[in-house]
């Protein structure tokens, strides 16, 4: 083998050795480039001031929002004029209204509220507020409420549901005998003849109701 051939063989061997070493050496994975953190989108911070203005910080930006408060409704003040009912009449009418509401709600399924009751009373008196009820319309307002109470106590279920039913019926009978008929004992002849009783307290529920109907229909002098 010539010197030239021997050099070629050595070079070839060195090349093969270098190639084998390169293949056998472990290859380090390349590190991925570091990403910049994305701006926050999920977290939102609200900065509240006096309830009118608010600042919103999201993703590095500041968004200001202005909230306009709705204007308040003007307060309505009722100024009664001359000739309206007195404070004493207002108190009496209010007590009568309360009696009506209590009775209604003990008998009827659909309740009656204070506002609805006043609305009906005011309508009967021809006004929009009980402060404006004229003195000459007071009796009309009272009569309206008493009529509603009488209608309720005339229902078949009233004696069982209204705790004041008996006392109210007896009171109404005696009041009419005294005030309209002019005879405090105008009912006695009726209960003696029909129920053999001397006192209204001795009457059964149906007997008391019949006596009430008789006295309410009775006219003076009959």
N, C-alpha and C. Protein backbone atom coordinates (compact mmCIF):
# COMPACT_ATOMS: atom_id res chain seq x y z
N UNK A 1 0.87 -1.19 0.00
CA UNK A 1 0.00 0.00 0.00
C UNK A 1 0.90 1.23 0.00
N UNK A 2 0.58 2.16 -0.90
CA UNK A 2 1.41 3.36 -1.03
C UNK A 2 1.09 4.33 0.10
N UNK A 3 1.97 5.31 0.31
CA UNK A 3 1.74 6.32 1.35
C UNK A 3 0.43 7.07 1.11
N UNK A 4 0.14 7.25 -0.15
CA UNK A 4 -1.10 7.99 -0.49
C UNK A 4 -2.32 7.20 -0.08
N UNK A 5 -2.30 5.90 -0.34
CA UNK A 5 -3.44 5.05 0.01
C UNK A 5 -3.58 4.95 1.52
N UNK A 6 -2.44 4.90 2.20
CA UNK A 6 -2.48 4.79 3.67
C UNK A 6 -3.10 6.04 4.29
N UNK A 7 -2.81 7.25 3.76
CA UNK A 7 -3.41 8.49 4.26
C UNK A 7 -4.92 8.49 4.06
N UNK A 8 -5.32 8.01 2.92
CA UNK A 8 -6.77 7.96 2.63
C UNK A 8 -7.46 7.08 3.64
N UNK A 9 -6.84 5.91 3.95
CA UNK A 9 -7.46 4.97 4.89
C UNK A 9 -7.57 5.61 6.28
N UNK A 10 -6.56 6.35 6.74
CA UNK A 10 -6.59 6.97 8.06
C UNK A 10 -7.65 8.08 8.14
N UNK A 11 -7.72 8.84 7.06
CA UNK A 11 -8.72 9.91 7.03
C UNK A 11 -10.13 9.34 7.07
N UNK A 12 -10.33 8.24 6.33
CA UNK A 12 -11.64 7.59 6.30
C UNK A 12 -12.00 7.06 7.68
N UNK A 13 -11.03 6.51 8.38
CA UNK A 13 -11.27 5.95 9.71
C UNK A 13 -11.60 7.05 10.70
N UNK A 14 -10.85 8.18 10.60
CA UNK A 14 -11.13 9.30 11.51
C UNK A 14 -12.52 9.88 11.28
N UNK A 15 -12.90 9.93 10.01
CA UNK A 15 -14.23 10.46 9.67
C UNK A 15 -15.32 9.57 10.22
N UNK A 16 -15.12 8.25 10.10
CA UNK A 16 -16.12 7.30 10.60
C UNK A 16 -16.23 7.39 12.12
N UNK A 17 -15.10 7.57 12.81
CA UNK A 17 -15.10 7.67 14.26
C UNK A 17 -15.82 8.93 14.74
N UNK A 18 -15.55 10.05 14.01
CA UNK A 18 -16.23 11.29 14.38
C UNK A 18 -17.73 11.20 14.18
N UNK A 19 -18.14 10.55 13.09
CA UNK A 19 -19.58 10.38 12.81
C UNK A 19 -20.25 9.54 13.85
N UNK A 20 -19.57 8.44 14.29
CA UNK A 20 -20.13 7.55 15.31
C UNK A 20 -20.27 8.28 16.64
N UNK A 21 -19.28 9.09 17.00
CA UNK A 21 -19.35 9.83 18.28
C UNK A 21 -20.49 10.85 18.28
N UNK A 22 -20.70 11.48 17.14
CA UNK A 22 -21.79 12.47 17.03
C UNK A 22 -23.15 11.82 17.19
N UNK A 23 -23.28 10.63 16.60
CA UNK A 23 -24.57 9.92 16.70
C UNK A 23 -24.83 9.47 18.12
N UNK A 24 -23.75 8.99 18.81
CA UNK A 24 -23.91 8.45 20.16
C UNK A 24 -24.14 9.53 21.20
N UNK A 25 -23.71 10.76 20.98
CA UNK A 25 -23.85 11.83 21.97
C UNK A 25 -25.32 12.25 22.12
N UNK A 26 -25.76 12.46 23.37
CA UNK A 26 -27.16 12.87 23.58
C UNK A 26 -27.42 14.27 23.01
N UNK A 27 -28.60 14.44 22.46
CA UNK A 27 -28.98 15.72 21.86
C UNK A 27 -29.84 16.50 22.86
N UNK A 28 -29.38 17.67 23.25
CA UNK A 28 -30.16 18.50 24.18
C UNK A 28 -31.32 19.17 23.44
N UNK A 29 -32.50 19.05 24.01
CA UNK A 29 -33.65 19.72 23.35
C UNK A 29 -33.51 21.23 23.40
N UNK A 30 -33.93 21.85 22.35
CA UNK A 30 -33.88 23.31 22.30
C UNK A 30 -34.97 23.90 23.19
N UNK A 31 -34.61 24.92 23.94
CA UNK A 31 -35.57 25.57 24.85
C UNK A 31 -36.50 26.49 24.04
N UNK A 32 -37.79 26.31 24.30
CA UNK A 32 -38.77 27.15 23.59
C UNK A 32 -38.62 28.59 24.03
N UNK A 33 -38.81 29.50 23.13
CA UNK A 33 -38.68 30.93 23.49
C UNK A 33 -39.73 31.32 24.54
N UNK A 34 -39.33 32.13 25.49
CA UNK A 34 -40.22 32.56 26.58
C UNK A 34 -41.27 33.54 26.05
N UNK A 35 -42.51 33.20 26.37
CA UNK A 35 -43.61 34.06 25.91
C UNK A 35 -43.86 35.17 26.92
N UNK A 36 -44.24 36.30 26.40
CA UNK A 36 -44.62 37.42 27.26
C UNK A 36 -45.98 37.14 27.89
N UNK A 37 -46.16 37.45 29.18
CA UNK A 37 -47.48 37.20 29.81
C UNK A 37 -48.58 38.03 29.14
N UNK A 38 -49.68 37.33 28.89
CA UNK A 38 -50.82 38.00 28.26
C UNK A 38 -51.48 38.94 29.25
N UNK A 39 -52.03 40.03 28.79
CA UNK A 39 -52.71 40.97 29.71
C UNK A 39 -53.91 40.31 30.34
N UNK A 40 -54.19 40.53 31.61
CA UNK A 40 -55.33 39.87 32.29
C UNK A 40 -56.65 40.29 31.67
N UNK A 41 -57.47 39.28 31.45
CA UNK A 41 -58.80 39.56 30.88
C UNK A 41 -59.91 39.10 31.80
N UNK A 42 -59.63 38.12 32.67
CA UNK A 42 -60.69 37.59 33.52
C UNK A 42 -60.93 38.41 34.77
N UNK A 43 -59.85 38.98 35.30
CA UNK A 43 -60.00 39.75 36.54
C UNK A 43 -60.36 41.19 36.22
N UNK A 44 -61.41 41.63 36.85
CA UNK A 44 -61.87 43.02 36.67
C UNK A 44 -61.98 43.65 38.03
N UNK A 45 -61.41 44.78 38.20
CA UNK A 45 -61.44 45.50 39.47
C UNK A 45 -62.31 46.74 39.30
N UNK A 46 -63.32 46.86 40.15
CA UNK A 46 -64.17 48.05 40.13
C UNK A 46 -63.78 48.96 41.28
N UNK A 47 -63.62 50.20 40.96
CA UNK A 47 -63.32 51.20 41.97
C UNK A 47 -64.55 52.08 42.11
N UNK A 48 -65.21 51.98 43.24
CA UNK A 48 -66.46 52.72 43.44
C UNK A 48 -66.18 53.98 44.24
N UNK A 49 -66.78 55.06 43.83
CA UNK A 49 -66.66 56.31 44.56
C UNK A 49 -67.89 56.57 45.37
N UNK A 50 -68.66 57.54 44.95
CA UNK A 50 -69.85 57.91 45.71
C UNK A 50 -71.11 57.25 45.18
N UNK A 51 -70.94 56.23 44.35
CA UNK A 51 -72.10 55.53 43.82
C UNK A 51 -72.55 56.08 42.49
N UNK A 52 -71.95 57.17 42.01
CA UNK A 52 -72.35 57.74 40.73
C UNK A 52 -71.35 57.38 39.64
N UNK A 53 -70.05 57.51 39.93
CA UNK A 53 -69.02 57.19 38.96
C UNK A 53 -68.30 55.93 39.38
N UNK A 54 -67.86 55.10 38.42
CA UNK A 54 -67.13 53.87 38.71
C UNK A 54 -66.05 53.70 37.66
N UNK A 55 -64.86 53.23 38.09
CA UNK A 55 -63.77 52.98 37.15
C UNK A 55 -63.55 51.50 36.99
N UNK A 56 -63.34 51.00 35.80
CA UNK A 56 -63.12 49.59 35.54
C UNK A 56 -61.71 49.43 34.97
N UNK A 57 -60.87 48.61 35.63
CA UNK A 57 -59.50 48.35 35.17
C UNK A 57 -59.46 46.93 34.65
N UNK A 58 -59.16 46.74 33.38
CA UNK A 58 -59.11 45.42 32.79
C UNK A 58 -58.06 45.42 31.71
N UNK A 59 -57.09 44.49 31.82
CA UNK A 59 -56.06 44.36 30.79
C UNK A 59 -55.19 45.59 30.68
N UNK A 60 -54.98 46.29 31.79
CA UNK A 60 -54.11 47.44 31.76
C UNK A 60 -54.78 48.72 31.33
N UNK A 61 -56.01 48.64 30.89
CA UNK A 61 -56.71 49.84 30.45
C UNK A 61 -57.71 50.26 31.51
N UNK A 62 -57.96 51.51 31.59
CA UNK A 62 -58.94 52.04 32.54
C UNK A 62 -60.15 52.54 31.76
N UNK A 63 -61.31 52.00 32.10
CA UNK A 63 -62.55 52.40 31.44
C UNK A 63 -63.43 53.08 32.47
N UNK A 64 -63.73 54.29 32.26
CA UNK A 64 -64.58 55.03 33.18
C UNK A 64 -66.03 54.99 32.71
N UNK A 65 -66.93 54.69 33.65
CA UNK A 65 -68.35 54.65 33.33
C UNK A 65 -69.07 55.64 34.22
N UNK A 66 -69.93 56.39 33.66
CA UNK A 66 -70.73 57.34 34.42
C UNK A 66 -72.16 56.84 34.49
N UNK A 67 -72.69 56.77 35.71
CA UNK A 67 -74.06 56.32 35.91
C UNK A 67 -74.89 57.50 36.42
N UNK A 68 -75.94 57.77 35.72
CA UNK A 68 -76.78 58.91 36.08
C UNK A 68 -77.93 58.44 36.95
N UNK A 69 -78.05 59.02 38.13
CA UNK A 69 -79.14 58.66 39.01
C UNK A 69 -80.45 59.23 38.49
N UNK A 70 -81.52 58.40 38.50
CA UNK A 70 -82.81 58.92 38.02
C UNK A 70 -83.31 60.01 38.94
N UNK A 71 -83.94 61.02 38.40
CA UNK A 71 -84.45 62.10 39.25
C UNK A 71 -85.55 61.62 40.16
N UNK A 72 -85.57 62.13 41.37
CA UNK A 72 -86.60 61.74 42.32
C UNK A 72 -87.94 62.37 41.94
N UNK A 73 -88.98 61.56 42.17
CA UNK A 73 -90.33 62.07 41.88
C UNK A 73 -90.66 63.18 42.87
N UNK A 74 -91.31 64.20 42.41
CA UNK A 74 -91.67 65.29 43.33
C UNK A 74 -92.64 64.80 44.40
N UNK A 75 -92.44 65.25 45.61
CA UNK A 75 -93.31 64.87 46.71
C UNK A 75 -94.63 65.61 46.62
N UNK A 76 -95.71 64.82 46.70
CA UNK A 76 -97.04 65.42 46.59
C UNK A 76 -97.53 65.80 47.98
N UNK A 77 -97.85 67.03 48.16
CA UNK A 77 -98.35 67.52 49.44
C UNK A 77 -99.81 67.93 49.28
N UNK A 78 -100.64 67.33 50.11
CA UNK A 78 -102.07 67.64 50.08
C UNK A 78 -102.34 68.78 51.04
N UNK A 79 -102.87 69.86 50.52
CA UNK A 79 -103.19 71.03 51.35
C UNK A 79 -104.70 71.17 51.42
N UNK A 80 -105.28 70.75 52.54
CA UNK A 80 -106.74 70.86 52.64
C UNK A 80 -107.18 72.32 52.73
N UNK A 81 -108.30 72.60 52.15
CA UNK A 81 -108.84 73.96 52.21
C UNK A 81 -109.82 74.11 53.34
N UNK A 82 -110.63 75.11 53.26
CA UNK A 82 -111.64 75.34 54.29
C UNK A 82 -112.80 74.38 54.11
N UNK A 83 -113.47 74.10 55.22
CA UNK A 83 -114.68 73.29 55.17
C UNK A 83 -114.45 71.80 55.16
N UNK A 84 -113.22 71.33 55.45
CA UNK A 84 -112.96 69.89 55.46
C UNK A 84 -113.29 69.33 56.83
N UNK A 85 -113.31 68.00 56.93
CA UNK A 85 -113.64 67.36 58.19
C UNK A 85 -112.58 67.67 59.25
N UNK A 86 -112.98 67.62 60.50
CA UNK A 86 -112.09 67.94 61.60
C UNK A 86 -111.19 66.75 61.91
N UNK A 87 -110.20 67.00 62.76
CA UNK A 87 -109.30 65.92 63.18
C UNK A 87 -110.06 64.83 63.93
N UNK A 88 -111.03 65.22 64.73
CA UNK A 88 -111.84 64.23 65.46
C UNK A 88 -112.61 63.35 64.49
N UNK A 89 -113.13 63.94 63.43
CA UNK A 89 -113.86 63.16 62.43
C UNK A 89 -112.92 62.24 61.66
N UNK A 90 -111.71 62.71 61.41
CA UNK A 90 -110.72 61.86 60.74
C UNK A 90 -110.38 60.64 61.59
N UNK A 91 -110.24 60.87 62.90
CA UNK A 91 -109.93 59.76 63.81
C UNK A 91 -111.08 58.76 63.84
N UNK A 92 -112.30 59.26 63.91
CA UNK A 92 -113.48 58.38 63.94
C UNK A 92 -113.61 57.59 62.64
N UNK A 93 -113.36 58.26 61.52
CA UNK A 93 -113.47 57.60 60.22
C UNK A 93 -112.37 56.55 60.06
N UNK A 94 -111.19 56.85 60.59
CA UNK A 94 -110.10 55.89 60.52
C UNK A 94 -110.40 54.65 61.35
N UNK A 95 -110.98 54.83 62.53
CA UNK A 95 -111.36 53.70 63.38
C UNK A 95 -112.43 52.84 62.69
N UNK A 96 -113.37 53.50 62.03
CA UNK A 96 -114.42 52.77 61.31
C UNK A 96 -113.81 52.01 60.13
N UNK A 97 -112.86 52.64 59.46
CA UNK A 97 -112.17 51.96 58.36
C UNK A 97 -111.45 50.71 58.85
N UNK A 98 -110.78 50.82 60.02
CA UNK A 98 -110.07 49.67 60.57
C UNK A 98 -111.03 48.53 60.91
N UNK A 99 -112.19 48.88 61.44
CA UNK A 99 -113.20 47.86 61.75
C UNK A 99 -113.66 47.15 60.48
N UNK A 100 -113.85 47.91 59.43
CA UNK A 100 -114.26 47.35 58.13
C UNK A 100 -113.18 46.40 57.60
N UNK A 101 -111.94 46.81 57.64
CA UNK A 101 -110.85 45.99 57.12
C UNK A 101 -110.73 44.69 57.91
N UNK A 102 -110.80 44.79 59.24
CA UNK A 102 -110.69 43.59 60.09
C UNK A 102 -111.82 42.61 59.79
N UNK A 103 -113.02 43.13 59.68
CA UNK A 103 -114.17 42.28 59.39
C UNK A 103 -114.05 41.65 58.00
N UNK A 104 -113.69 42.47 57.02
CA UNK A 104 -113.56 41.98 55.66
C UNK A 104 -112.54 40.84 55.58
N UNK A 105 -111.39 41.04 56.21
CA UNK A 105 -110.32 40.05 56.11
C UNK A 105 -110.60 38.79 56.91
N UNK A 106 -111.54 38.85 57.85
CA UNK A 106 -111.92 37.65 58.60
C UNK A 106 -112.98 36.83 57.87
N UNK A 107 -113.66 37.44 56.92
CA UNK A 107 -114.74 36.75 56.21
C UNK A 107 -114.37 36.44 54.76
N UNK A 108 -113.77 37.40 54.10
CA UNK A 108 -113.45 37.26 52.67
C UNK A 108 -112.10 36.58 52.47
N UNK A 109 -111.95 35.90 51.34
CA UNK A 109 -110.67 35.27 51.01
C UNK A 109 -109.66 36.29 50.51
N UNK A 110 -110.13 37.22 49.69
CA UNK A 110 -109.23 38.25 49.16
C UNK A 110 -109.14 39.39 50.17
N UNK A 111 -107.94 39.66 50.70
CA UNK A 111 -107.83 40.67 51.75
C UNK A 111 -108.06 42.09 51.24
N UNK A 112 -108.44 42.94 52.14
CA UNK A 112 -108.63 44.36 51.86
C UNK A 112 -107.54 45.13 52.58
N UNK A 113 -106.76 45.92 51.85
CA UNK A 113 -105.68 46.70 52.44
C UNK A 113 -106.13 48.09 52.82
N UNK A 114 -105.27 48.79 53.56
CA UNK A 114 -105.60 50.14 54.01
C UNK A 114 -105.76 51.10 52.82
N UNK A 115 -104.84 50.98 51.85
CA UNK A 115 -104.91 51.88 50.70
C UNK A 115 -106.18 51.68 49.89
N UNK A 116 -106.55 50.41 49.67
CA UNK A 116 -107.76 50.12 48.90
C UNK A 116 -109.01 50.60 49.64
N UNK A 117 -109.01 50.44 50.96
CA UNK A 117 -110.16 50.89 51.75
C UNK A 117 -110.31 52.41 51.67
N UNK A 118 -109.20 53.13 51.83
CA UNK A 118 -109.26 54.59 51.74
C UNK A 118 -109.71 55.03 50.35
N UNK A 119 -109.22 54.34 49.34
CA UNK A 119 -109.59 54.71 47.98
C UNK A 119 -111.10 54.63 47.78
N UNK A 120 -111.73 53.60 48.32
CA UNK A 120 -113.18 53.44 48.18
C UNK A 120 -113.94 54.48 49.00
N UNK A 121 -113.42 54.75 50.19
CA UNK A 121 -114.07 55.77 51.02
C UNK A 121 -113.98 57.14 50.35
N UNK A 122 -112.79 57.46 49.85
CA UNK A 122 -112.61 58.75 49.17
C UNK A 122 -113.53 58.88 47.96
N UNK A 123 -113.68 57.78 47.23
CA UNK A 123 -114.56 57.81 46.06
C UNK A 123 -116.00 58.07 46.47
N UNK A 124 -116.40 57.45 47.57
CA UNK A 124 -117.77 57.66 48.06
C UNK A 124 -117.98 59.11 48.49
N UNK A 125 -116.88 59.75 48.98
CA UNK A 125 -116.98 61.15 49.42
C UNK A 125 -116.69 62.13 48.30
N UNK A 126 -116.28 61.61 47.12
CA UNK A 126 -116.04 62.48 45.97
C UNK A 126 -114.73 63.23 46.02
N UNK A 127 -113.69 62.63 46.68
CA UNK A 127 -112.38 63.28 46.77
C UNK A 127 -111.29 62.27 46.46
N UNK A 128 -110.04 62.76 46.42
CA UNK A 128 -108.90 61.88 46.15
C UNK A 128 -108.09 61.58 47.41
N UNK A 129 -108.36 62.28 48.49
CA UNK A 129 -107.67 62.04 49.76
C UNK A 129 -108.63 62.32 50.91
N UNK A 130 -108.52 61.54 51.98
CA UNK A 130 -109.45 61.75 53.09
C UNK A 130 -109.21 63.10 53.77
N UNK A 131 -108.03 63.68 53.55
CA UNK A 131 -107.78 65.02 54.07
C UNK A 131 -108.67 66.07 53.39
N UNK A 132 -109.18 65.72 52.22
CA UNK A 132 -109.97 66.67 51.44
C UNK A 132 -111.48 66.45 51.58
N UNK A 133 -111.88 65.49 52.39
CA UNK A 133 -113.31 65.23 52.56
C UNK A 133 -113.99 66.45 53.18
N UNK A 134 -114.98 66.94 52.50
CA UNK A 134 -115.72 68.09 53.00
C UNK A 134 -116.58 67.70 54.20
N UNK A 135 -116.77 68.66 55.07
CA UNK A 135 -117.54 68.39 56.28
C UNK A 135 -118.95 67.90 55.95
N UNK A 136 -119.53 68.45 54.89
CA UNK A 136 -120.89 68.05 54.54
C UNK A 136 -120.93 66.69 53.84
N UNK A 137 -119.76 66.09 53.58
CA UNK A 137 -119.70 64.75 52.96
C UNK A 137 -119.26 63.69 53.97
N UNK A 138 -119.06 64.12 55.20
CA UNK A 138 -118.59 63.18 56.23
C UNK A 138 -119.61 62.07 56.47
N UNK A 139 -120.87 62.45 56.60
CA UNK A 139 -121.91 61.45 56.85
C UNK A 139 -122.01 60.45 55.71
N UNK A 140 -121.79 60.91 54.49
CA UNK A 140 -121.84 60.00 53.34
C UNK A 140 -120.71 58.99 53.41
N UNK A 141 -119.52 59.46 53.82
CA UNK A 141 -118.38 58.54 53.94
C UNK A 141 -118.63 57.50 55.03
N UNK A 142 -119.16 57.96 56.17
CA UNK A 142 -119.46 57.05 57.27
C UNK A 142 -120.53 56.04 56.86
N UNK A 143 -121.57 56.54 56.20
CA UNK A 143 -122.66 55.65 55.77
C UNK A 143 -122.14 54.58 54.81
N UNK A 144 -121.20 54.95 53.94
CA UNK A 144 -120.65 53.98 52.99
C UNK A 144 -119.94 52.85 53.73
N UNK A 145 -119.10 53.21 54.71
CA UNK A 145 -118.35 52.19 55.45
C UNK A 145 -119.29 51.31 56.25
N UNK A 146 -120.28 51.93 56.91
CA UNK A 146 -121.23 51.14 57.70
C UNK A 146 -122.03 50.18 56.81
N UNK A 147 -122.32 50.60 55.61
CA UNK A 147 -123.03 49.72 54.69
C UNK A 147 -122.19 48.51 54.32
N UNK A 148 -120.88 48.75 54.08
CA UNK A 148 -119.99 47.63 53.76
C UNK A 148 -119.89 46.65 54.93
N UNK A 149 -119.86 47.20 56.14
CA UNK A 149 -119.81 46.34 57.33
C UNK A 149 -121.09 45.53 57.48
N UNK A 150 -122.23 46.18 57.22
CA UNK A 150 -123.51 45.49 57.33
C UNK A 150 -123.62 44.37 56.29
N UNK A 151 -123.13 44.63 55.09
CA UNK A 151 -123.16 43.60 54.04
C UNK A 151 -122.34 42.38 54.46
N UNK A 152 -121.18 42.64 55.03
CA UNK A 152 -120.30 41.55 55.46
C UNK A 152 -120.94 40.75 56.60
N UNK A 153 -121.54 41.44 57.56
CA UNK A 153 -122.15 40.74 58.70
C UNK A 153 -123.45 40.05 58.32
N UNK A 154 -123.97 40.37 57.16
CA UNK A 154 -125.17 39.69 56.69
C UNK A 154 -124.89 38.39 55.96
N UNK A 155 -123.64 38.08 55.73
CA UNK A 155 -123.28 36.84 55.04
C UNK A 155 -123.46 35.65 55.97
N UNK A 156 -123.76 34.50 55.37
CA UNK A 156 -124.05 33.30 56.17
C UNK A 156 -122.87 32.86 57.02
N UNK A 157 -121.67 33.10 56.53
CA UNK A 157 -120.48 32.66 57.27
C UNK A 157 -120.03 33.64 58.34
N UNK A 158 -120.66 34.81 58.40
CA UNK A 158 -120.22 35.84 59.32
C UNK A 158 -120.30 35.45 60.79
N UNK A 159 -121.41 34.85 61.26
CA UNK A 159 -121.48 34.52 62.69
C UNK A 159 -120.34 33.62 63.17
N UNK A 160 -119.87 32.74 62.32
CA UNK A 160 -118.81 31.82 62.73
C UNK A 160 -117.43 32.46 62.61
N UNK A 161 -117.26 33.40 61.69
CA UNK A 161 -115.95 33.98 61.43
C UNK A 161 -115.71 35.31 62.15
N UNK A 162 -116.78 36.02 62.44
CA UNK A 162 -116.66 37.34 63.07
C UNK A 162 -116.89 37.22 64.57
N UNK A 163 -115.85 37.46 65.35
CA UNK A 163 -115.96 37.32 66.80
C UNK A 163 -116.88 38.38 67.40
N UNK A 164 -117.01 39.49 66.71
CA UNK A 164 -117.83 40.59 67.22
C UNK A 164 -119.25 40.56 66.66
N UNK A 165 -119.60 39.48 65.99
CA UNK A 165 -120.88 39.46 65.28
C UNK A 165 -122.06 39.65 66.23
N UNK A 166 -122.14 38.87 67.30
CA UNK A 166 -123.28 38.95 68.21
C UNK A 166 -123.36 40.32 68.88
N UNK A 167 -122.25 40.79 69.42
CA UNK A 167 -122.27 42.09 70.10
C UNK A 167 -122.59 43.22 69.14
N UNK A 168 -122.12 43.09 67.89
CA UNK A 168 -122.41 44.12 66.90
C UNK A 168 -123.89 44.11 66.52
N UNK A 169 -124.48 42.92 66.40
CA UNK A 169 -125.90 42.83 66.06
C UNK A 169 -126.77 43.38 67.20
N UNK A 170 -126.44 43.01 68.41
CA UNK A 170 -127.21 43.50 69.57
C UNK A 170 -127.08 45.01 69.69
N UNK A 171 -125.86 45.52 69.50
CA UNK A 171 -125.64 46.97 69.57
C UNK A 171 -126.41 47.71 68.50
N UNK A 172 -126.45 47.15 67.27
CA UNK A 172 -127.16 47.80 66.18
C UNK A 172 -128.67 47.81 66.43
N UNK A 173 -129.20 46.72 66.99
CA UNK A 173 -130.63 46.65 67.29
C UNK A 173 -131.02 47.71 68.33
N UNK A 174 -130.25 47.79 69.39
CA UNK A 174 -130.55 48.76 70.46
C UNK A 174 -130.37 50.19 69.98
N UNK A 175 -129.37 50.42 69.15
CA UNK A 175 -129.13 51.78 68.65
C UNK A 175 -130.29 52.25 67.79
N UNK A 176 -130.79 51.37 66.93
CA UNK A 176 -131.92 51.77 66.07
C UNK A 176 -133.19 51.98 66.89
N UNK A 177 -133.38 51.13 67.88
CA UNK A 177 -134.56 51.29 68.73
C UNK A 177 -134.53 52.64 69.45
N UNK A 178 -133.36 53.04 69.93
CA UNK A 178 -133.23 54.31 70.65
C UNK A 178 -133.27 55.52 69.73
N UNK A 179 -132.49 55.45 68.65
CA UNK A 179 -132.27 56.65 67.83
C UNK A 179 -133.32 56.85 66.74
N UNK A 180 -133.66 55.78 66.03
CA UNK A 180 -134.60 55.95 64.92
C UNK A 180 -136.05 55.64 65.30
N UNK A 181 -136.25 54.64 66.15
CA UNK A 181 -137.62 54.25 66.48
C UNK A 181 -138.15 54.96 67.72
N UNK A 182 -137.25 55.51 68.51
CA UNK A 182 -137.68 56.25 69.69
C UNK A 182 -138.23 55.39 70.80
N UNK A 183 -137.95 54.10 70.78
CA UNK A 183 -138.46 53.19 71.81
C UNK A 183 -137.35 52.17 72.13
N UNK A 184 -136.69 52.29 73.26
CA UNK A 184 -135.60 51.38 73.60
C UNK A 184 -136.01 49.91 73.66
N UNK A 185 -137.30 49.63 73.83
CA UNK A 185 -137.75 48.24 73.94
C UNK A 185 -138.59 47.83 72.74
N UNK A 186 -138.35 48.45 71.63
CA UNK A 186 -139.14 48.15 70.43
C UNK A 186 -138.97 46.71 69.95
N UNK A 187 -137.88 46.09 70.31
CA UNK A 187 -137.61 44.71 69.85
C UNK A 187 -138.26 43.66 70.75
N UNK A 188 -138.65 44.04 71.98
CA UNK A 188 -139.07 43.04 72.96
C UNK A 188 -140.35 42.31 72.56
N UNK A 189 -141.30 43.03 72.02
CA UNK A 189 -142.55 42.38 71.63
C UNK A 189 -142.29 41.32 70.57
N UNK A 190 -141.34 41.59 69.70
CA UNK A 190 -141.03 40.64 68.62
C UNK A 190 -140.39 39.37 69.17
N UNK A 191 -139.41 39.50 70.06
CA UNK A 191 -138.71 38.29 70.54
C UNK A 191 -139.58 37.51 71.53
N UNK A 192 -140.49 38.18 72.21
CA UNK A 192 -141.41 37.46 73.09
C UNK A 192 -142.36 36.59 72.28
N UNK A 193 -142.89 37.18 71.22
CA UNK A 193 -143.86 36.47 70.40
C UNK A 193 -143.24 35.33 69.62
N UNK A 194 -142.07 35.56 69.05
CA UNK A 194 -141.48 34.57 68.15
C UNK A 194 -140.53 33.58 68.81
N UNK A 195 -139.87 34.00 69.90
CA UNK A 195 -138.85 33.12 70.49
C UNK A 195 -139.04 32.91 72.00
N UNK A 196 -140.11 33.50 72.54
CA UNK A 196 -140.39 33.38 73.98
C UNK A 196 -139.17 33.81 74.80
N UNK A 197 -138.54 34.89 74.39
CA UNK A 197 -137.34 35.37 75.06
C UNK A 197 -137.57 36.79 75.57
N UNK A 198 -136.81 37.17 76.60
CA UNK A 198 -136.90 38.51 77.17
C UNK A 198 -135.65 39.35 76.87
N UNK A 199 -134.57 38.70 76.51
CA UNK A 199 -133.30 39.40 76.29
C UNK A 199 -132.70 39.01 74.95
N UNK A 200 -132.06 39.96 74.31
CA UNK A 200 -131.37 39.65 73.05
C UNK A 200 -130.23 38.67 73.25
N UNK A 201 -129.62 38.68 74.42
CA UNK A 201 -128.51 37.78 74.70
C UNK A 201 -128.95 36.32 74.74
N UNK A 202 -130.26 36.09 74.95
CA UNK A 202 -130.77 34.71 75.04
C UNK A 202 -131.07 34.11 73.66
N UNK A 203 -131.03 34.92 72.63
CA UNK A 203 -131.40 34.43 71.31
C UNK A 203 -130.28 33.62 70.66
N UNK A 204 -130.70 32.64 69.90
CA UNK A 204 -129.73 31.87 69.11
C UNK A 204 -129.27 32.74 67.94
N UNK A 205 -128.27 32.27 67.24
CA UNK A 205 -127.68 33.07 66.15
C UNK A 205 -128.71 33.42 65.09
N UNK A 206 -129.48 32.43 64.64
CA UNK A 206 -130.46 32.70 63.60
C UNK A 206 -131.59 33.57 64.12
N UNK A 207 -131.97 33.41 65.41
CA UNK A 207 -133.02 34.24 66.00
C UNK A 207 -132.57 35.69 66.12
N UNK A 208 -131.30 35.88 66.47
CA UNK A 208 -130.76 37.23 66.58
C UNK A 208 -130.71 37.90 65.21
N UNK A 209 -130.38 37.13 64.20
CA UNK A 209 -130.33 37.69 62.85
C UNK A 209 -131.73 38.08 62.38
N UNK A 210 -132.72 37.27 62.68
CA UNK A 210 -134.10 37.57 62.30
C UNK A 210 -134.60 38.82 63.03
N UNK A 211 -134.23 38.95 64.30
CA UNK A 211 -134.62 40.14 65.06
C UNK A 211 -133.95 41.38 64.49
N UNK A 212 -132.71 41.25 64.12
CA UNK A 212 -131.98 42.37 63.52
C UNK A 212 -132.66 42.81 62.23
N UNK A 213 -133.00 41.86 61.37
CA UNK A 213 -133.65 42.20 60.11
C UNK A 213 -135.01 42.87 60.36
N UNK A 214 -135.72 42.40 61.36
CA UNK A 214 -137.04 42.97 61.68
C UNK A 214 -136.90 44.42 62.15
N UNK A 215 -135.98 44.68 63.05
CA UNK A 215 -135.80 46.04 63.59
C UNK A 215 -135.28 47.00 62.51
N UNK A 216 -134.40 46.53 61.65
CA UNK A 216 -133.85 47.39 60.62
C UNK A 216 -134.92 47.78 59.59
N UNK A 217 -135.90 46.90 59.42
CA UNK A 217 -136.98 47.20 58.47
C UNK A 217 -138.15 47.95 59.10
N UNK A 218 -138.18 47.94 60.42
CA UNK A 218 -139.29 48.57 61.15
C UNK A 218 -139.22 50.10 61.04
N UNK A 219 -140.33 50.74 60.86
CA UNK A 219 -140.39 52.20 60.74
C UNK A 219 -141.03 52.77 62.02
N UNK A 220 -140.71 54.00 62.33
CA UNK A 220 -141.27 54.62 63.54
C UNK A 220 -142.81 54.64 63.50
N UNK A 221 -143.41 54.31 64.63
CA UNK A 221 -144.86 54.31 64.73
C UNK A 221 -145.50 53.01 64.38
N UNK A 222 -144.73 52.06 63.85
CA UNK A 222 -145.34 50.76 63.50
C UNK A 222 -145.44 49.87 64.72
